[in-house]
Amino acid sequence: MEGNFSGGGTKKKYHLLKWTKICKHKKKGGLGIKDLRKMNVSLLCKWWWKLDNEKGLWQDIVQYKYLRKKHMYYETQAE
């Protein structure tokens, strides 16, 4: 009688899984969730490549603010 009084006996339990198993494709027994660390690194590499190889407003802003290149005004005047 005591067991039923303190909570009803239906308690949710969480099943822990390894992150590598969660990131596997569903057909291979995983949950099909993409690995966030790999996605973050690939996106940062893509942005770094675009920053180095393309010209645009956001590239100018990032280079001026974080990479301490010449001021945007002087770069546009020189071109």
C-alpha atoms as a PDB file:
ATOM      1  CA  MET A   1       0.000   0.000   0.000  1.00  0.00           C
ATOM      2  CA  GLU A   2       2.870   2.391   0.644  1.00  0.00           C
ATOM      3  CA  GLY A   3       4.266   1.992  -2.906  1.00  0.00           C
ATOM      4  CA  ASN A   4       1.072   3.267  -4.567  1.00  0.00           C
ATOM      5  CA  PHE A   5       0.683   6.231  -2.206  1.00  0.00           C
ATOM      6  CA  SER A   6       3.984   7.991  -3.045  1.00  0.00           C
ATOM      7  CA  GLY A   7       3.715   8.790  -6.741  1.00  0.00           C
ATOM      8  CA  GLY A   8       1.479   6.307  -8.464  1.00  0.00           C
ATOM      9  CA  GLY A   9       4.266   3.974  -9.581  1.00  0.00           C
ATOM     10  CA  THR A  10       4.569   5.399 -13.129  1.00  0.00           C
ATOM     11  CA  LYS A  11       7.811   7.316 -13.263  1.00  0.00           C
ATOM     12  CA  LYS A  12       9.363   8.362 -16.573  1.00  0.00           C
ATOM     13  CA  LYS A  13      12.810   6.971 -17.205  1.00  0.00           C
ATOM     14  CA  TYR A  14      15.262   8.363 -19.714  1.00  0.00           C
ATOM     15  CA  HIS A  15      17.437   6.059 -21.755  1.00  0.00           C
ATOM     16  CA  LEU A  16      20.916   7.409 -22.340  1.00  0.00           C
ATOM     17  CA  LEU A  17      22.676   6.756 -25.637  1.00  0.00           C
ATOM     18  CA  LYS A  18      26.177   7.476 -26.865  1.00  0.00           C
ATOM     19  CA  TRP A  19      26.457  10.553 -29.086  1.00  0.00           C
ATOM     20  CA  THR A  20      28.052   8.434 -31.821  1.00  0.00           C
ATOM     21  CA  LYS A  21      24.986   6.190 -31.920  1.00  0.00           C
ATOM     22  CA  ILE A  22      22.606   9.165 -31.981  1.00  0.00           C
ATOM     23  CA  CYS A  23      24.479  10.639 -34.955  1.00  0.00           C
ATOM     24  CA  LYS A  24      24.304   7.453 -37.039  1.00  0.00           C
ATOM     25  CA  HIS A  25      21.901   7.318 -39.965  1.00  0.00           C
ATOM     26  CA  LYS A  26      18.496   5.799 -39.195  1.00  0.00           C
ATOM     27  CA  LYS A  27      19.145   2.906 -41.580  1.00  0.00           C
ATOM     28  CA  LYS A  28      22.239   2.036 -39.529  1.00  0.00           C
ATOM     29  CA  GLY A  29      20.403   2.001 -36.187  1.00  0.00           C
ATOM     30  CA  GLY A  30      20.889   5.600 -35.079  1.00  0.00           C
ATOM     31  CA  LEU A  31      18.504   8.499 -34.679  1.00  0.00           C
ATOM     32  CA  GLY A  32      19.653  10.395 -37.776  1.00  0.00           C
ATOM     33  CA  ILE A  33      20.696  13.549 -35.914  1.00  0.00           C
ATOM     34  CA  LYS A  34      23.619  15.381 -37.503  1.00  0.00           C
ATOM     35  CA  ASP A  35      26.800  15.747 -35.471  1.00  0.00           C
ATOM     36  CA  LEU A  36      26.770  19.380 -34.358  1.00  0.00           C
ATOM     37  CA  ARG A  37      30.533  19.563 -33.861  1.00  0.00           C
ATOM     38  CA  LYS A  38      31.191  18.447 -37.446  1.00  0.00           C
ATOM     39  CA  MET A  39      28.536  20.809 -38.794  1.00  0.00           C
ATOM     40  CA  ASN A  40      30.023  23.733 -36.855  1.00  0.00           C
ATOM     41  CA  VAL A  41      33.564  23.057 -38.073  1.00  0.00           C
ATOM     42  CA  SER A  42      32.448  22.683 -41.684  1.00  0.00           C
ATOM     43  CA  LEU A  43      30.430  25.911 -41.554  1.00  0.00           C
ATOM     44  CA  LEU A  44      33.336  27.821 -40.000  1.00  0.00           C
ATOM     45  CA  CYS A  45      35.676  26.500 -42.707  1.00  0.00           C
ATOM     46  CA  LYS A  46      33.197  27.576 -45.393  1.00  0.00           C
ATOM     47  CA  TRP A  47      32.930  31.094 -43.913  1.00  0.00           C
ATOM     48  CA  TRP A  48      36.710  31.358 -43.553  1.00  0.00           C
ATOM     49  CA  TRP A  49      37.143  30.360 -47.220  1.00  0.00           C
ATOM     50  CA  LYS A  50      34.549  32.928 -48.320  1.00  0.00           C
ATOM     51  CA  LEU A  51      36.197  35.572 -46.162  1.00  0.00           C
ATOM     52  CA  ASP A  52      39.544  34.924 -47.820  1.00  0.00           C
ATOM     53  CA  ASN A  53      38.398  34.423 -51.444  1.00  0.00           C
ATOM     54  CA  GLU A  54      35.362  36.639 -52.027  1.00  0.00           C
ATOM     55  CA  LYS A  55      34.713  40.362 -51.851  1.00  0.00           C
ATOM     56  CA  GLY A  56      31.628  41.817 -50.224  1.00  0.00           C
ATOM     57  CA  LEU A  57      30.280  44.003 -47.479  1.00  0.00           C
ATOM     58  CA  TRP A  58      30.362  41.388 -44.710  1.00  0.00           C
ATOM     59  CA  GLN A  59      33.922  40.407 -45.645  1.00  0.00           C
ATOM     60  CA  ASP A  60      35.011  44.051 -45.372  1.00  0.00           C
ATOM     61  CA  ILE A  61      33.324  44.440 -41.992  1.00  0.00           C
ATOM     62  CA  VAL A  62      34.805  41.258 -40.530  1.00  0.00           C
ATOM     63  CA  GLN A  63      38.279  42.020 -41.863  1.00  0.00           C
ATOM     64  CA  TYR A  64      38.184  45.543 -40.479  1.00  0.00           C
ATOM     65  CA  LYS A  65      36.751  44.601 -37.102  1.00  0.00           C
ATOM     66  CA  TYR A  66      38.586  41.357 -36.340  1.00  0.00           C
ATOM     67  CA  LEU A  67      41.564  41.065 -38.686  1.00  0.00           C
ATOM     68  CA  ARG A  68      42.689  44.697 -38.376  1.00  0.00           C
ATOM     69  CA  LYS A  69      43.193  45.365 -42.044  1.00  0.00           C
ATOM     70  CA  LYS A  70      42.993  48.835 -43.551  1.00  0.00           C
ATOM     71  CA  HIS A  71      39.873  50.881 -43.036  1.00  0.00           C
ATOM     72  CA  MET A  72      37.085  50.091 -45.516  1.00  0.00           C
ATOM     73  CA  TYR A  73      36.947  53.692 -46.726  1.00  0.00           C
ATOM     74  CA  TYR A  74      40.583  53.662 -47.869  1.00  0.00           C
ATOM     75  CA  GLU A  75      40.236  50.252 -49.560  1.00  0.00           C
ATOM     76  CA  THR A  76      37.287  51.413 -51.636  1.00  0.00           C
ATOM     77  CA  GLN A  77      39.073  54.649 -52.578  1.00  0.00           C
ATOM     78  CA  ALA A  78      42.128  52.703 -53.815  1.00  0.00           C
ATOM     79  CA  GLU A  79      40.075  50.493 -56.146  1.00  0.00           C
END
